[in-house]
């Protein structure tokens, strides 16, 4: 509790508070009132757990390899004969 109060007091006098947020996760009502009095924000431990899980999910999605779907290419909409003809033209085999 003492550490949280000191950190909040320091944050209150810090000019960067306009660009940053200080969020304290606690379920202690008295601590919440003190923290809010210093200008910090509060969330419950359960809310913090939800936020962490959501952040982990976003990171996993960003790191997941993107599968390239063949449906995004125009050539996949052509019939096989047209695809073969285009491939030959591209390789210079149809002259």
PDB file of N, CA and C in Angstrom:
ATOM      1  N   UNK A   1       0.814  -1.202   0.000  1.00  0.00           N
ATOM      2  CA  UNK A   1       0.000   0.000   0.000  1.00  0.00           C
ATOM      3  C   UNK A   1       0.856   1.264   0.000  1.00  0.00           C
ATOM      4  N   UNK A   2       1.932   1.225   0.776  1.00  0.00           N
ATOM      5  CA  UNK A   2       2.817   2.390   0.860  1.00  0.00           C
ATOM      6  C   UNK A   2       3.468   2.677  -0.484  1.00  0.00           C
ATOM      7  N   UNK A   3       3.917   1.627  -1.160  1.00  0.00           N
ATOM      8  CA  UNK A   3       4.551   1.808  -2.466  1.00  0.00           C
ATOM      9  C   UNK A   3       3.566   2.437  -3.452  1.00  0.00           C
ATOM     10  N   UNK A   4       2.348   1.929  -3.472  1.00  0.00           N
ATOM     11  CA  UNK A   4       1.328   2.455  -4.385  1.00  0.00           C
ATOM     12  C   UNK A   4       1.063   3.928  -4.098  1.00  0.00           C
ATOM     13  N   UNK A   5       0.952   4.277  -2.827  1.00  0.00           N
ATOM     14  CA  UNK A   5       0.695   5.672  -2.466  1.00  0.00           C
ATOM     15  C   UNK A   5       1.855   6.572  -2.877  1.00  0.00           C
ATOM     16  N   UNK A   6       3.090   6.111  -2.678  1.00  0.00           N
ATOM     17  CA  UNK A   6       4.256   6.911  -3.084  1.00  0.00           C
ATOM     18  C   UNK A   6       4.299   7.078  -4.597  1.00  0.00           C
ATOM     19  N   UNK A   7       4.031   6.003  -5.316  1.00  0.00           N
ATOM     20  CA  UNK A   7       4.049   6.072  -6.781  1.00  0.00           C
ATOM     21  C   UNK A   7       2.965   7.021  -7.292  1.00  0.00           C
ATOM     22  N   UNK A   8       1.801   6.971  -6.688  1.00  0.00           N
ATOM     23  CA  UNK A   8       0.704   7.859  -7.095  1.00  0.00           C
ATOM     24  C   UNK A   8       1.015   9.317  -6.767  1.00  0.00           C
ATOM     25  N   UNK A   9       1.625   9.551  -5.614  1.00  0.00           N
ATOM     26  CA  UNK A   9       1.991  10.919  -5.232  1.00  0.00           C
ATOM     27  C   UNK A   9       3.030  11.476  -6.199  1.00  0.00           C
ATOM     28  N   UNK A  10       3.993  10.648  -6.577  1.00  0.00           N
ATOM     29  CA  UNK A  10       5.021  11.077  -7.535  1.00  0.00           C
ATOM     30  C   UNK A  10       4.381  11.348  -8.899  1.00  0.00           C
ATOM     31  N   UNK A  11       3.464  10.493  -9.296  1.00  0.00           N
ATOM     32  CA  UNK A  11       2.767  10.656 -10.574  1.00  0.00           C
ATOM     33  C   UNK A  11       1.977  11.959 -10.602  1.00  0.00           C
ATOM     34  N   UNK A  12       1.377  12.294  -9.485  1.00  0.00           N
ATOM     35  CA  UNK A  12       0.556  13.512  -9.405  1.00  0.00           C
ATOM     36  C   UNK A  12       1.379  14.756  -9.717  1.00  0.00           C
ATOM     37  N   UNK A  13       2.619  14.774  -9.281  1.00  0.00           N
ATOM     38  CA  UNK A  13       3.458  15.953  -9.497  1.00  0.00           C
ATOM     39  C   UNK A  13       4.253  15.875 -10.801  1.00  0.00           C
ATOM     40  N   UNK A  14       4.146  14.771 -11.509  1.00  0.00           N
ATOM     41  CA  UNK A  14       4.902  14.581 -12.753  1.00  0.00           C
ATOM     42  C   UNK A  14       4.153  15.227 -13.915  1.00  0.00           C
ATOM     43  N   UNK A  15       4.837  16.044 -14.665  1.00  0.00           N
ATOM     44  CA  UNK A  15       4.230  16.750 -15.793  1.00  0.00           C
ATOM     45  C   UNK A  15       3.808  15.773 -16.892  1.00  0.00           C
ATOM     46  N   UNK A  16       4.460  14.610 -16.954  1.00  0.00           N
ATOM     47  CA  UNK A  16       4.139  13.629 -17.990  1.00  0.00           C
ATOM     48  C   UNK A  16       2.780  12.975 -17.780  1.00  0.00           C
ATOM     49  N   UNK A  17       2.130  13.249 -16.669  1.00  0.00           N
ATOM     50  CA  UNK A  17       0.838  12.613 -16.398  1.00  0.00           C
ATOM     51  C   UNK A  17      -0.200  12.961 -17.460  1.00  0.00           C
ATOM     52  N   UNK A  18       0.044  14.037 -18.192  1.00  0.00           N
ATOM     53  CA  UNK A  18      -0.894  14.413 -19.239  1.00  0.00           C
ATOM     54  C   UNK A  18      -0.733  13.532 -20.474  1.00  0.00           C
ATOM     55  N   UNK A  19       0.418  12.879 -20.588  1.00  0.00           N
ATOM     56  CA  UNK A  19       0.671  11.986 -21.715  1.00  0.00           C
ATOM     57  C   UNK A  19       0.589  10.515 -21.333  1.00  0.00           C
ATOM     58  N   UNK A  20       0.600  10.217 -20.052  1.00  0.00           N
ATOM     59  CA  UNK A  20       0.626   8.839 -19.574  1.00  0.00           C
ATOM     60  C   UNK A  20      -0.527   8.576 -18.612  1.00  0.00           C
ATOM     61  N   UNK A  21      -0.800   7.307 -18.443  1.00  0.00           N
ATOM     62  CA  UNK A  21      -1.830   6.899 -17.481  1.00  0.00           C
ATOM     63  C   UNK A  21      -1.178   6.032 -16.417  1.00  0.00           C
ATOM     64  N   UNK A  22      -1.624   6.169 -15.207  1.00  0.00           N
ATOM     65  CA  UNK A  22      -1.196   5.295 -14.119  1.00  0.00           C
ATOM     66  C   UNK A  22      -2.436   4.542 -13.665  1.00  0.00           C
ATOM     67  N   UNK A  23      -2.383   3.229 -13.814  1.00  0.00           N
ATOM     68  CA  UNK A  23      -3.525   2.392 -13.455  1.00  0.00           C
ATOM     69  C   UNK A  23      -3.095   1.447 -12.344  1.00  0.00           C
ATOM     70  N   UNK A  24      -3.865   1.431 -11.283  1.00  0.00           N
ATOM     71  CA  UNK A  24      -3.595   0.563 -10.137  1.00  0.00           C
ATOM     72  C   UNK A  24      -4.673  -0.510 -10.102  1.00  0.00           C
ATOM     73  N   UNK A  25      -4.242  -1.763 -10.024  1.00  0.00           N
ATOM     74  CA  UNK A  25      -5.187  -2.879  -9.920  1.00  0.00           C
ATOM     75  C   UNK A  25      -5.283  -3.291  -8.458  1.00  0.00           C
ATOM     76  N   UNK A  26      -6.426  -3.039  -7.865  1.00  0.00           N
ATOM     77  CA  UNK A  26      -6.658  -3.409  -6.469  1.00  0.00           C
ATOM     78  C   UNK A  26      -8.151  -3.572  -6.231  1.00  0.00           C
ATOM     79  N   UNK A  27      -8.472  -4.418  -5.293  1.00  0.00           N
ATOM     80  CA  UNK A  27      -9.872  -4.583  -4.902  1.00  0.00           C
ATOM     81  C   UNK A  27     -10.144  -3.925  -3.555  1.00  0.00           C
ATOM     82  N   UNK A  28      -9.115  -3.337  -2.960  1.00  0.00           N
ATOM     83  CA  UNK A  28      -9.221  -2.665  -1.660  1.00  0.00           C
ATOM     84  C   UNK A  28      -9.887  -1.301  -1.856  1.00  0.00           C
ATOM     85  N   UNK A  29     -11.067  -1.127  -1.287  1.00  0.00           N
ATOM     86  CA  UNK A  29     -11.835   0.111  -1.488  1.00  0.00           C
ATOM     87  C   UNK A  29     -11.090   1.342  -0.982  1.00  0.00           C
ATOM     88  N   UNK A  30     -10.482   1.254   0.187  1.00  0.00           N
ATOM     89  CA  UNK A  30      -9.749   2.403   0.734  1.00  0.00           C
ATOM     90  C   UNK A  30      -8.583   2.772  -0.183  1.00  0.00           C
ATOM     91  N   UNK A  31      -7.900   1.769  -0.692  1.00  0.00           N
ATOM     92  CA  UNK A  31      -6.771   2.017  -1.601  1.00  0.00           C
ATOM     93  C   UNK A  31      -7.267   2.664  -2.890  1.00  0.00           C
ATOM     94  N   UNK A  32      -8.412   2.211  -3.380  1.00  0.00           N
ATOM     95  CA  UNK A  32      -8.987   2.785  -4.602  1.00  0.00           C
ATOM     96  C   UNK A  32      -9.283   4.272  -4.421  1.00  0.00           C
ATOM     97  N   UNK A  33      -9.855   4.633  -3.294  1.00  0.00           N
ATOM     98  CA  UNK A  33     -10.170   6.038  -3.026  1.00  0.00           C
ATOM     99  C   UNK A  33      -8.901   6.879  -2.965  1.00  0.00           C
ATOM    100  N   UNK A  34      -7.863   6.349  -2.338  1.00  0.00           N
ATOM    101  CA  UNK A  34      -6.588   7.066  -2.241  1.00  0.00           C
ATOM    102  C   UNK A  34      -5.979   7.266  -3.625  1.00  0.00           C
ATOM    103  N   UNK A  35      -5.972   6.203  -4.410  1.00  0.00           N
ATOM    104  CA  UNK A  35      -5.378   6.238  -5.752  1.00  0.00           C
ATOM    105  C   UNK A  35      -6.092   7.253  -6.637  1.00  0.00           C
ATOM    106  N   UNK A  36      -7.411   7.226  -6.624  1.00  0.00           N
ATOM    107  CA  UNK A  36      -8.187   8.161  -7.435  1.00  0.00           C
ATOM    108  C   UNK A  36      -7.938   9.593  -6.974  1.00  0.00           C
ATOM    109  N   UNK A  37      -7.763   9.776  -5.684  1.00  0.00           N
ATOM    110  CA  UNK A  37      -7.457  11.099  -5.147  1.00  0.00           C
ATOM    111  C   UNK A  37      -6.152  11.662  -5.683  1.00  0.00           C
ATOM    112  N   UNK A  38      -5.215  10.804  -6.001  1.00  0.00           N
ATOM    113  CA  UNK A  38      -3.937  11.234  -6.574  1.00  0.00           C
ATOM    114  C   UNK A  38      -4.004  11.408  -8.090  1.00  0.00           C
ATOM    115  N   UNK A  39      -5.131  11.066  -8.692  1.00  0.00           N
ATOM    116  CA  UNK A  39      -5.283  11.251 -10.133  1.00  0.00           C
ATOM    117  C   UNK A  39      -4.985  10.017 -10.957  1.00  0.00           C
ATOM    118  N   UNK A  40      -4.758   8.901 -10.302  1.00  0.00           N
ATOM    119  CA  UNK A  40      -4.524   7.658 -11.031  1.00  0.00           C
ATOM    120  C   UNK A  40      -5.863   6.977 -11.311  1.00  0.00           C
ATOM    121  N   UNK A  41      -5.812   5.924 -12.077  1.00  0.00           N
ATOM    122  CA  UNK A  41      -7.014   5.158 -12.391  1.00  0.00           C
ATOM    123  C   UNK A  41      -6.959   3.826 -11.662  1.00  0.00           C
ATOM    124  N   UNK A  42      -8.122   3.216 -11.475  1.00  0.00           N
ATOM    125  CA  UNK A  42      -8.198   1.923 -10.788  1.00  0.00           C
ATOM    126  C   UNK A  42      -8.904   0.903 -11.653  1.00  0.00           C
ATOM    127  N   UNK A  43      -8.533  -0.329 -11.427  1.00  0.00           N
ATOM    128  CA  UNK A  43      -9.269  -1.449 -11.993  1.00  0.00           C
ATOM    129  C   UNK A  43      -9.164  -2.609 -11.021  1.00  0.00           C
ATOM    130  N   UNK A  44     -10.124  -3.491 -11.095  1.00  0.00           N
ATOM    131  CA  UNK A  44     -10.104  -4.649 -10.205  1.00  0.00           C
ATOM    132  C   UNK A  44      -9.092  -5.670 -10.715  1.00  0.00           C
ATOM    133  N   UNK A  45      -8.729  -6.587  -9.858  1.00  0.00           N
ATOM    134  CA  UNK A  45      -7.797  -7.641 -10.251  1.00  0.00           C
ATOM    135  C   UNK A  45      -8.402  -8.483 -11.374  1.00  0.00           C
ATOM    136  N   UNK A  46      -9.706  -8.711 -11.319  1.00  0.00           N
ATOM    137  CA  UNK A  46     -10.379  -9.470 -12.378  1.00  0.00           C
ATOM    138  C   UNK A  46     -10.313  -8.732 -13.708  1.00  0.00           C
ATOM    139  N   UNK A  47     -10.525  -7.422 -13.666  1.00  0.00           N
ATOM    140  CA  UNK A  47     -10.449  -6.619 -14.889  1.00  0.00           C
ATOM    141  C   UNK A  47      -9.034  -6.639 -15.454  1.00  0.00           C
ATOM    142  N   UNK A  48      -8.037  -6.577 -14.587  1.00  0.00           N
ATOM    143  CA  UNK A  48      -6.641  -6.654 -15.033  1.00  0.00           C
ATOM    144  C   UNK A  48      -6.388  -7.986 -15.729  1.00  0.00           C
ATOM    145  N   UNK A  49      -6.877  -9.073 -15.162  1.00  0.00           N
ATOM    146  CA  UNK A  49      -6.696 -10.392 -15.775  1.00  0.00           C
ATOM    147  C   UNK A  49      -7.331 -10.436 -17.168  1.00  0.00           C
ATOM    148  N   UNK A  50      -8.520  -9.845 -17.311  1.00  0.00           N
ATOM    149  CA  UNK A  50      -9.173  -9.791 -18.621  1.00  0.00           C
ATOM    150  C   UNK A  50      -8.358  -8.978 -19.620  1.00  0.00           C
ATOM    151  N   UNK A  51      -7.835  -7.843 -19.166  1.00  0.00           N
ATOM    152  CA  UNK A  51      -7.022  -6.986 -20.042  1.00  0.00           C
ATOM    153  C   UNK A  51      -5.756  -7.710 -20.501  1.00  0.00           C
ATOM    154  N   UNK A  52      -5.124  -8.432 -19.590  1.00  0.00           N
ATOM    155  CA  UNK A  52      -3.901  -9.173 -19.931  1.00  0.00           C
ATOM    156  C   UNK A  52      -4.217 -10.257 -20.960  1.00  0.00           C
ATOM    157  N   UNK A  53      -5.303 -11.004 -20.745  1.00  0.00           N
ATOM    158  CA  UNK A  53      -5.682 -12.049 -21.705  1.00  0.00           C
ATOM    159  C   UNK A  53      -5.990 -11.457 -23.078  1.00  0.00           C
ATOM    160  N   UNK A  54      -6.675 -10.338 -23.111  1.00  0.00           N
ATOM    161  CA  UNK A  54      -7.001  -9.690 -24.385  1.00  0.00           C
ATOM    162  C   UNK A  54      -5.733  -9.234 -25.098  1.00  0.00           C
ATOM    163  N   UNK A  55      -4.782  -8.696 -24.349  1.00  0.00           N
ATOM    164  CA  UNK A  55      -3.513  -8.263 -24.945  1.00  0.00           C
ATOM    165  C   UNK A  55      -2.739  -9.462 -25.483  1.00  0.00           C
ATOM    166  N   UNK A  56      -2.727 -10.557 -24.739  1.00  0.00           N
ATOM    167  CA  UNK A  56      -2.049 -11.768 -25.207  1.00  0.00           C
ATOM    168  C   UNK A  56      -2.681 -12.271 -26.501  1.00  0.00           C
ATOM    169  N   UNK A  57      -3.989 -12.232 -26.576  1.00  0.00           N
ATOM    170  CA  UNK A  57      -4.694 -12.680 -27.775  1.00  0.00           C
ATOM    171  C   UNK A  57      -4.334 -11.804 -28.978  1.00  0.00           C
ATOM    172  N   UNK A  58      -4.263 -10.488 -28.766  1.00  0.00           N
ATOM    173  CA  UNK A  58      -3.892  -9.581 -29.863  1.00  0.00           C
ATOM    174  C   UNK A  58      -2.474  -9.865 -30.342  1.00  0.00           C
ATOM    175  N   UNK A  59      -1.560 -10.128 -29.408  1.00  0.00           N
ATOM    176  CA  UNK A  59      -0.175 -10.432 -29.782  1.00  0.00           C
ATOM    177  C   UNK A  59      -0.130 -11.732 -30.575  1.00  0.00           C
ATOM    178  N   UNK A  60      -0.847 -12.757 -30.109  1.00  0.00           N
ATOM    179  CA  UNK A  60      -0.864 -14.039 -30.829  1.00  0.00           C
ATOM    180  C   UNK A  60      -1.393 -13.866 -32.243  1.00  0.00           C
ATOM    181  N   UNK A  61      -2.428 -13.048 -32.410  1.00  0.00           N
ATOM    182  CA  UNK A  61      -2.990 -12.833 -33.741  1.00  0.00           C
ATOM    183  C   UNK A  61      -1.995 -12.126 -34.651  1.00  0.00           C
ATOM    184  N   UNK A  62      -1.258 -11.173 -34.103  1.00  0.00           N
ATOM    185  CA  UNK A  62      -0.270 -10.465 -34.920  1.00  0.00           C
ATOM    186  C   UNK A  62       0.889 -11.368 -35.304  1.00  0.00           C
ATOM    187  N   UNK A  63       1.250 -12.293 -34.427  1.00  0.00           N
ATOM    188  CA  UNK A  63       2.378 -13.178 -34.692  1.00  0.00           C
ATOM    189  C   UNK A  63       1.994 -14.391 -35.528  1.00  0.00           C
ATOM    190  N   UNK A  64       0.710 -14.686 -35.618  1.00  0.00           N
ATOM    191  CA  UNK A  64       0.245 -15.835 -36.387  1.00  0.00           C
ATOM    192  C   UNK A  64       0.560 -15.601 -37.863  1.00  0.00           C
ATOM    193  N   UNK A  65       1.173 -16.594 -38.513  1.00  0.00           N
ATOM    194  CA  UNK A  65       1.485 -16.410 -39.938  1.00  0.00           C
ATOM    195  C   UNK A  65       0.205 -16.259 -40.754  1.00  0.00           C
ATOM    196  N   UNK A  66       0.238 -15.314 -41.641  1.00  0.00           N
ATOM    197  CA  UNK A  66      -0.923 -15.064 -42.487  1.00  0.00           C
ATOM    198  C   UNK A  66      -0.908 -16.053 -43.646  1.00  0.00           C
ATOM    199  N   UNK A  67      -1.990 -16.777 -43.818  1.00  0.00           N
ATOM    200  CA  UNK A  67      -2.105 -17.720 -44.927  1.00  0.00           C
ATOM    201  C   UNK A  67      -2.568 -16.955 -46.157  1.00  0.00           C
ATOM    202  N   UNK A  68      -1.874 -17.172 -47.238  1.00  0.00           N
ATOM    203  CA  UNK A  68      -2.261 -16.514 -48.481  1.00  0.00           C
ATOM    204  C   UNK A  68      -3.287 -17.384 -49.185  1.00  0.00           C
ATOM    205  N   UNK A  69      -4.426 -16.872 -49.353  1.00  0.00           N
ATOM    206  CA  UNK A  69      -5.497 -17.605 -50.008  1.00  0.00           C
ATOM    207  C   UNK A  69      -5.378 -17.441 -51.514  1.00  0.00           C
ATOM    208  N   UNK A  70      -5.521 -18.550 -52.223  1.00  0.00           N
ATOM    209  CA  UNK A  70      -5.444 -18.479 -53.683  1.00  0.00           C
ATOM    210  C   UNK A  70      -6.649 -17.745 -54.261  1.00  0.00           C
ATOM    211  N   UNK A  71      -7.691 -17.582 -53.476  1.00  0.00           N
ATOM    212  CA  UNK A  71      -8.884 -16.893 -53.953  1.00  0.00           C
ATOM    213  C   UNK A  71      -8.636 -15.408 -54.188  1.00  0.00           C
ATOM    214  N   UNK A  72      -7.536 -14.890 -53.668  1.00  0.00           N
ATOM    215  CA  UNK A  72      -7.243 -13.470 -53.820  1.00  0.00           C
ATOM    216  C   UNK A  72      -6.571 -13.157 -55.159  1.00  0.00           C
ATOM    217  N   UNK A  73      -6.235 -14.189 -55.938  1.00  0.00           N
ATOM    218  CA  UNK A  73      -5.559 -13.971 -57.203  1.00  0.00           C
ATOM    219  C   UNK A  73      -6.550 -14.138 -58.348  1.00  0.00           C
ATOM    220  N   UNK A  74      -6.482 -13.260 -59.305  1.00  0.00           N
ATOM    221  CA  UNK A  74      -7.395 -13.277 -60.441  1.00  0.00           C
ATOM    222  C   UNK A  74      -7.261 -14.565 -61.238  1.00  0.00           C
ATOM    223  N   UNK A  75      -6.051 -15.057 -61.366  1.00  0.00           N
ATOM    224  CA  UNK A  75      -5.811 -16.255 -62.168  1.00  0.00           C
ATOM    225  C   UNK A  75      -6.584 -17.461 -61.635  1.00  0.00           C
ATOM    226  N   UNK A  76      -6.833 -17.513 -60.341  1.00  0.00           N
ATOM    227  CA  UNK A  76      -7.556 -18.661 -59.781  1.00  0.00           C
ATOM    228  C   UNK A  76      -9.018 -18.684 -60.207  1.00  0.00           C
ATOM    229  N   UNK A  77      -9.512 -17.581 -60.732  1.00  0.00           N
ATOM    230  CA  UNK A  77     -10.902 -17.548 -61.191  1.00  0.00           C
ATOM    231  C   UNK A  77     -11.031 -18.012 -62.644  1.00  0.00           C
ATOM    232  N   UNK A  78      -9.900 -18.247 -63.307  1.00  0.00           N
ATOM    233  CA  UNK A  78      -9.919 -18.695 -64.701  1.00  0.00           C
ATOM    234  C   UNK A  78     -10.001 -20.212 -64.779  1.00  0.00           C
ATOM    235  N   UNK A  79     -10.472 -20.704 -65.922  1.00  0.00           N
ATOM    236  CA  UNK A  79     -10.514 -22.156 -66.103  1.00  0.00           C
ATOM    237  C   UNK A  79      -9.089 -22.681 -66.313  1.00  0.00           C
ATOM    238  N   UNK A  80      -8.867 -23.978 -66.109  1.00  0.00           N
ATOM    239  CA  UNK A  80      -7.507 -24.542 -66.180  1.00  0.00           C
ATOM    240  C   UNK A  80      -6.798 -24.295 -67.511  1.00  0.00           C
ATOM    241  N   UNK A  81      -7.527 -24.321 -68.631  1.00  0.00           N
ATOM    242  CA  UNK A  81      -6.898 -24.085 -69.935  1.00  0.00           C
ATOM    243  C   UNK A  81      -6.360 -22.654 -70.028  1.00  0.00           C
ATOM    244  N   UNK A  82      -7.139 -21.698 -69.564  1.00  0.00           N
ATOM    245  CA  UNK A  82      -6.704 -20.300 -69.596  1.00  0.00           C
ATOM    246  C   UNK A  82      -5.518 -20.087 -68.659  1.00  0.00           C
ATOM    247  N   UNK A  83      -5.527 -20.745 -67.509  1.00  0.00           N
ATOM    248  CA  UNK A  83      -4.398 -20.639 -66.576  1.00  0.00           C
ATOM    249  C   UNK A  83      -3.122 -21.178 -67.219  1.00  0.00           C
ATOM    250  N   UNK A  84      -3.247 -22.318 -67.919  1.00  0.00           N
ATOM    251  CA  UNK A  84      -2.078 -22.921 -68.573  1.00  0.00           C
ATOM    252  C   UNK A  84      -1.552 -22.016 -69.686  1.00  0.00           C
ATOM    253  N   UNK A  85      -2.442 -21.458 -70.460  1.00  0.00           N
ATOM    254  CA  UNK A  85      -2.051 -20.552 -71.559  1.00  0.00           C
ATOM    255  C   UNK A  85      -1.314 -19.323 -71.001  1.00  0.00           C
ATOM    256  N   UNK A  86      -1.836 -18.740 -69.925  1.00  0.00           N
ATOM    257  CA  UNK A  86      -1.176 -17.583 -69.308  1.00  0.00           C
ATOM    258  C   UNK A  86       0.198 -17.955 -68.755  1.00  0.00           C
ATOM    259  N   UNK A  87       0.302 -19.139 -68.163  1.00  0.00           N
ATOM    260  CA  UNK A  87       1.591 -19.584 -67.626  1.00  0.00           C
ATOM    261  C   UNK A  87       2.614 -19.708 -68.747  1.00  0.00           C
ATOM    262  N   UNK A  88       2.201 -20.259 -69.884  1.00  0.00           N
ATOM    263  CA  UNK A  88       3.109 -20.392 -71.030  1.00  0.00           C
ATOM    264  C   UNK A  88       3.526 -19.020 -71.555  1.00  0.00           C
ATOM    265  N   UNK A  89       2.574 -18.098 -71.624  1.00  0.00           N
ATOM    266  CA  UNK A  89       2.892 -16.742 -72.084  1.00  0.00           C
ATOM    267  C   UNK A  89       3.886 -16.067 -71.139  1.00  0.00           C
ATOM    268  N   UNK A  90       3.669 -16.266 -69.846  1.00  0.00           N
ATOM    269  CA  UNK A  90       4.543 -15.648 -68.848  1.00  0.00           C
ATOM    270  C   UNK A  90       5.968 -16.194 -68.947  1.00  0.00           C
ATOM    271  N   UNK A  91       6.087 -17.486 -69.233  1.00  0.00           N
ATOM    272  CA  UNK A  91       7.403 -18.115 -69.311  1.00  0.00           C
ATOM    273  C   UNK A  91       8.024 -17.999 -70.700  1.00  0.00           C
ATOM    274  N   UNK A  92       7.276 -17.441 -71.645  1.00  0.00           N
ATOM    275  CA  UNK A  92       7.799 -17.262 -72.993  1.00  0.00           C
ATOM    276  C   UNK A  92       7.807 -18.546 -73.791  1.00  0.00           C
ATOM    277  N   UNK A  93       6.981 -19.514 -73.442  1.00  0.00           N
ATOM    278  CA  UNK A  93       6.947 -20.806 -74.126  1.00  0.00           C
ATOM    279  C   UNK A  93       5.950 -20.828 -75.266  1.00  0.00           C
ATOM    280  N   UNK A  94       5.132 -19.829 -75.393  1.00  0.00           N
ATOM    281  CA  UNK A  94       4.072 -19.803 -76.401  1.00  0.00           C
ATOM    282  C   UNK A  94       4.397 -18.748 -77.446  1.00  0.00           C
ATOM    283  N   UNK A  95       5.260 -19.140 -78.381  1.00  0.00           N
ATOM    284  CA  UNK A  95       5.632 -18.166 -79.416  1.00  0.00           C
ATOM    285  C   UNK A  95       5.463 -18.740 -80.783  1.00  0.00           C
TER     286      UNK A  95
END
